C-alpha atoms as a PDB file:
ATOM      1  CA  MET A   1       0.000   0.000   0.000  1.00  0.00           C
ATOM      2  CA  ALA A   2       1.196   3.511  -0.638  1.00  0.00           C
ATOM      3  CA  VAL A   3      -0.220   6.785   0.610  1.00  0.00           C
ATOM      4  CA  SER A   4       0.672  10.205  -0.747  1.00  0.00           C
ATOM      5  CA  THR A   5       1.468  12.858   1.801  1.00  0.00           C
ATOM      6  CA  LYS A   6       0.430  16.450   1.298  1.00  0.00           C
ATOM      7  CA  GLU A   7       3.127  17.905   3.555  1.00  0.00           C
ATOM      8  CA  THR A   8       6.129  16.354   1.815  1.00  0.00           C
ATOM      9  CA  ASP A   9       4.614  15.774  -1.629  1.00  0.00           C
ATOM     10  CA  SER A  10       5.875  12.199  -1.524  1.00  0.00           C
ATOM     11  CA  LEU A  11       4.663   8.641  -1.124  1.00  0.00           C
ATOM     12  CA  VAL A  12       4.822   6.421   1.939  1.00  0.00           C
ATOM     13  CA  PHE A  13       4.875   2.662   1.328  1.00  0.00           C
ATOM     14  CA  VAL A  14       3.257   0.455   3.947  1.00  0.00           C
ATOM     15  CA  LYS A  15       3.045  -3.314   4.293  1.00  0.00           C
ATOM     16  CA  PRO A  16       0.255  -4.148   6.751  1.00  0.00           C
ATOM     17  CA  LEU A  17       1.248  -6.710   9.364  1.00  0.00           C
ATOM     18  CA  THR A  18      -2.272  -8.076   9.685  1.00  0.00           C
ATOM     19  CA  PHE A  19      -3.640 -11.052   7.814  1.00  0.00           C
ATOM     20  CA  MET A  20      -4.496 -10.106   4.244  1.00  0.00           C
ATOM     21  CA  ASN A  21      -8.252 -10.219   4.872  1.00  0.00           C
ATOM     22  CA  ARG A  22      -7.787  -7.516   7.544  1.00  0.00           C
ATOM     23  CA  SER A  23      -5.322  -5.327   5.639  1.00  0.00           C
ATOM     24  CA  GLY A  24      -7.779  -2.439   5.376  1.00  0.00           C
ATOM     25  CA  GLU A  25      -7.610  -1.868   9.132  1.00  0.00           C
ATOM     26  CA  VAL A  26      -4.465   0.245   8.737  1.00  0.00           C
ATOM     27  CA  VAL A  27      -6.040   2.628   6.202  1.00  0.00           C
ATOM     28  CA  PRO A  28      -7.785   5.029   8.646  1.00  0.00           C
ATOM     29  CA  TYR A  29      -4.530   5.417  10.586  1.00  0.00           C
ATOM     30  CA  LEU A  30      -2.599   6.163   7.385  1.00  0.00           C
ATOM     31  CA  LEU A  31      -5.154   8.704   6.188  1.00  0.00           C
ATOM     32  CA  LYS A  32      -5.141  10.491   9.527  1.00  0.00           C
ATOM     33  CA  LYS A  33      -1.362  10.375  10.049  1.00  0.00           C
ATOM     34  CA  TRP A  34      -0.564  11.900   6.653  1.00  0.00           C
ATOM     35  CA  GLY A  35      -3.657  14.030   6.107  1.00  0.00           C
ATOM     36  CA  ALA A  36      -4.601  11.957   3.085  1.00  0.00           C
ATOM     37  CA  VAL A  37      -7.906  10.970   1.486  1.00  0.00           C
ATOM     38  CA  ALA A  38      -8.953   7.752  -0.255  1.00  0.00           C
ATOM     39  CA  ASP A  39      -7.829   9.134  -3.620  1.00  0.00           C
ATOM     40  CA  ASP A  40      -4.286   9.223  -2.193  1.00  0.00           C
ATOM     41  CA  VAL A  41      -4.263   5.465  -1.461  1.00  0.00           C
ATOM     42  CA  VAL A  42      -2.702   2.897  -3.792  1.00  0.00           C
ATOM     43  CA  VAL A  43      -3.332  -0.757  -2.932  1.00  0.00           C
ATOM     44  CA  VAL A  44      -1.007  -3.356  -4.450  1.00  0.00           C
ATOM     45  CA  PHE A  45      -2.519  -6.837  -4.444  1.00  0.00           C
ATOM     46  CA  ASP A  46      -2.090 -10.307  -5.919  1.00  0.00           C
ATOM     47  CA  GLN A  47      -4.321 -11.251  -8.859  1.00  0.00           C
ATOM     48  CA  MET A  48      -4.790 -14.841  -9.997  1.00  0.00           C
ATOM     49  CA  ASP A  49      -6.498 -13.769 -13.230  1.00  0.00           C
ATOM     50  CA  LEU A  50      -3.213 -12.307 -14.511  1.00  0.00           C
ATOM     51  CA  PRO A  51      -0.145 -14.305 -15.562  1.00  0.00           C
ATOM     52  CA  PRO A  52       2.696 -14.230 -13.021  1.00  0.00           C
ATOM     53  CA  GLY A  53       4.412 -10.850 -13.050  1.00  0.00           C
ATOM     54  CA  ARG A  54       1.862  -9.005 -15.191  1.00  0.00           C
ATOM     55  CA  LEU A  55       0.764  -5.662 -13.717  1.00  0.00           C
ATOM     56  CA  ARG A  56      -2.589  -3.974 -14.177  1.00  0.00           C
ATOM     57  CA  MET A  57      -3.393  -0.557 -12.799  1.00  0.00           C
ATOM     58  CA  LYS A  58      -6.907   0.734 -12.184  1.00  0.00           C
ATOM     59  CA  PRO A  59      -8.171   3.950 -10.621  1.00  0.00           C
ATOM     60  CA  HIS A  60     -11.053   2.102  -8.884  1.00  0.00           C
ATOM     61  CA  GLY A  61     -13.238  -0.979  -9.172  1.00  0.00           C
ATOM     62  CA  SER A  62     -14.766  -3.882  -7.339  1.00  0.00           C
ATOM     63  CA  SER A  63     -12.926  -6.247  -5.038  1.00  0.00           C
ATOM     64  CA  GLY A  64     -13.483  -9.107  -7.482  1.00  0.00           C
ATOM     65  CA  GLY A  65     -13.757 -11.382  -4.464  1.00  0.00           C
ATOM     66  CA  HIS A  66     -10.266 -10.448  -3.183  1.00  0.00           C
ATOM     67  CA  ASN A  67     -10.457 -10.423   0.621  1.00  0.00           C
ATOM     68  CA  GLY A  68      -7.771  -7.773   1.043  1.00  0.00           C
ATOM     69  CA  LEU A  69      -9.636  -5.385  -1.243  1.00  0.00           C
ATOM     70  CA  LYS A  70     -12.914  -6.232   0.514  1.00  0.00           C
ATOM     71  CA  SER A  71     -11.254  -5.181   3.778  1.00  0.00           C
ATOM     72  CA  VAL A  72     -10.153  -1.833   2.310  1.00  0.00           C
ATOM     73  CA  ASP A  73     -13.635  -1.345   0.790  1.00  0.00           C
ATOM     74  CA  ALA A  74     -15.270  -2.000   4.171  1.00  0.00           C
ATOM     75  CA  VAL A  75     -13.044   0.467   6.002  1.00  0.00           C
ATOM     76  CA  LEU A  76     -13.397   3.220   3.400  1.00  0.00           C
ATOM     77  CA  GLY A  77     -17.069   2.518   2.726  1.00  0.00           C
ATOM     78  CA  HIS A  78     -16.492   2.599  -1.043  1.00  0.00           C
ATOM     79  CA  GLU A  79     -14.320   1.236  -3.878  1.00  0.00           C
ATOM     80  CA  ARG A  80     -12.884   4.563  -5.109  1.00  0.00           C
ATOM     81  CA  TYR A  81      -9.178   4.160  -4.461  1.00  0.00           C
ATOM     82  CA  HIS A  82      -6.312   3.262  -6.778  1.00  0.00           C
ATOM     83  CA  ARG A  83      -5.044  -0.266  -7.168  1.00  0.00           C
ATOM     84  CA  ILE A  84      -2.254  -2.197  -8.815  1.00  0.00           C
ATOM     85  CA  ALA A  85      -2.794  -5.887  -9.458  1.00  0.00           C
ATOM     86  CA  VAL A  86       0.312  -8.081  -9.579  1.00  0.00           C
ATOM     87  CA  GLY A  87      -0.345 -11.304 -11.462  1.00  0.00           C
ATOM     88  CA  VAL A  88       0.374 -14.559  -9.652  1.00  0.00           C
ATOM     89  CA  GLY A  89      -1.355 -16.890 -12.115  1.00  0.00           C
ATOM     90  CA  ARG A  90      -3.800 -19.715 -11.458  1.00  0.00           C
ATOM     91  CA  PRO A  91      -3.296 -22.810  -9.308  1.00  0.00           C
ATOM     92  CA  THR A  92      -1.980 -25.874 -11.090  1.00  0.00           C
ATOM     93  CA  PRO A  93      -4.317 -28.871 -11.409  1.00  0.00           C
ATOM     94  CA  GLY A  94      -4.762 -30.413  -7.984  1.00  0.00           C
ATOM     95  CA  GLU A  95      -3.490 -27.312  -6.149  1.00  0.00           C
ATOM     96  CA  THR A  96      -5.966 -25.368  -4.012  1.00  0.00           C
ATOM     97  CA  VAL A  97      -6.361 -21.606  -4.332  1.00  0.00           C
ATOM     98  CA  LEU A  98      -5.234 -21.225  -0.719  1.00  0.00           C
ATOM     99  CA  ASP A  99      -2.085 -23.282  -1.296  1.00  0.00           C
ATOM    100  CA  HIS A 100      -1.375 -21.318  -4.470  1.00  0.00           C
ATOM    101  CA  VAL A 101      -1.629 -17.808  -3.035  1.00  0.00           C
ATOM    102  CA  LEU A 102       0.045 -18.675   0.275  1.00  0.00           C
ATOM    103  CA  GLY A 103       2.616 -21.070  -1.166  1.00  0.00           C
ATOM    104  CA  VAL A 104       6.003 -20.525  -2.725  1.00  0.00           C
ATOM    105  CA  PRO A 105       5.890 -20.056  -6.516  1.00  0.00           C
ATOM    106  CA  ASP A 106       8.257 -22.007  -8.746  1.00  0.00           C
ATOM    107  CA  ASP A 107      11.487 -20.241  -9.769  1.00  0.00           C
ATOM    108  CA  HIS A 108      10.164 -18.942 -13.107  1.00  0.00           C
ATOM    109  CA  ASP A 109       6.981 -17.486 -11.592  1.00  0.00           C
ATOM    110  CA  ALA A 110       8.892 -16.105  -8.607  1.00  0.00           C
ATOM    111  CA  GLN A 111      11.289 -14.224 -10.899  1.00  0.00           C
ATOM    112  CA  ALA A 112       8.380 -12.772 -12.872  1.00  0.00           C
ATOM    113  CA  ILE A 113       6.497 -11.733  -9.724  1.00  0.00           C
ATOM    114  CA  LEU A 114       9.554 -10.223  -8.019  1.00  0.00           C
ATOM    115  CA  GLY A 115      10.474  -8.396 -11.222  1.00  0.00           C
ATOM    116  CA  SER A 116       7.022  -6.837 -11.379  1.00  0.00           C
ATOM    117  CA  ILE A 117       7.206  -5.807  -7.729  1.00  0.00           C
ATOM    118  CA  ASP A 118      10.563  -4.133  -8.455  1.00  0.00           C
ATOM    119  CA  ARG A 119       8.760  -2.182 -11.207  1.00  0.00           C
ATOM    120  CA  VAL A 120       5.794  -1.246  -9.004  1.00  0.00           C
ATOM    121  CA  ILE A 121       7.734   1.078  -6.696  1.00  0.00           C
ATOM    122  CA  PRO A 122       8.989   3.537  -9.348  1.00  0.00           C
ATOM    123  CA  GLU A 123       5.667   3.295 -11.201  1.00  0.00           C
ATOM    124  CA  VAL A 124       3.702   4.203  -8.083  1.00  0.00           C
ATOM    125  CA  ASN A 125       6.095   7.095  -7.458  1.00  0.00           C
ATOM    126  CA  GLY A 126       5.426   8.186 -11.034  1.00  0.00           C
ATOM    127  CA  LEU A 127       1.699   8.217 -10.348  1.00  0.00           C
ATOM    128  CA  TRP A 128       2.032  10.997  -7.878  1.00  0.00           C
ATOM    129  CA  PHE A 129       4.191  13.167 -10.094  1.00  0.00           C
ATOM    130  CA  ARG A 130       2.778  12.401 -13.574  1.00  0.00           C
ATOM    131  CA  GLY A 131      -0.876  11.801 -12.785  1.00  0.00           C
ATOM    132  CA  TRP A 132      -2.953   8.650 -12.870  1.00  0.00           C
ATOM    133  CA  GLU A 133      -4.210   8.475 -16.412  1.00  0.00           C
ATOM    134  CA  PRO A 134      -0.827   8.674 -18.206  1.00  0.00           C
ATOM    135  CA  MET A 135       0.670   6.145 -15.789  1.00  0.00           C
ATOM    136  CA  ILE A 136      -2.230   3.697 -16.054  1.00  0.00           C
ATOM    137  CA  ASP A 137      -2.117   3.902 -19.846  1.00  0.00           C
ATOM    138  CA  ALA A 138       1.664   3.399 -19.957  1.00  0.00           C
ATOM    139  CA  VAL A 139       1.751   0.451 -17.558  1.00  0.00           C
ATOM    140  CA  ASN A 140      -1.238  -1.352 -19.022  1.00  0.00           C
ATOM    141  CA  ARG A 141      -0.083  -0.800 -22.612  1.00  0.00           C
ATOM    142  CA  ARG A 142       3.442  -2.053 -21.852  1.00  0.00           C
ATOM    143  CA  ASN A 143       2.069  -5.126 -20.106  1.00  0.00           C
ATOM    144  CA  ARG A 144      -0.252  -5.957 -23.031  1.00  0.00           C
ATOM    145  CA  ASN A 145       2.706  -5.753 -25.398  1.00  0.00           C
ATOM    146  CA  ALA A 146       4.836  -7.950 -23.120  1.00  0.00           C
ATOM    147  CA  SER A 147       2.690 -11.044 -23.610  1.00  0.00           C
END
């Protein structure tokens, strides 16, 4: 999660220490601490509907059943915050969803996922300074062309 701060015109990156399905609990504290609003929040989350390492940025949307996003939605009372999905792919035959998302990916998938996370930080920083629409277009276009 990242929150933009009005005082320093910068971003603060936060990794909640709660279970994923309670990750929204930190949001009110972050908003209050840095004088931010929901539009200043960027949630980075895992997405099984994307291939490992693929990024997709959206300015808002539904939780799509993702418990971490549901937690943020519940705390904010709406779905109007920015999000970056990091693809983790689908479970292999015989593997449960729980084992897939909580397990250790194989080396190839791990490299793709870690590489995308390394790209997320500068891209999120770019959001604050370049604006959402140009950044969303650039990231999503590059990721479409990467497949």
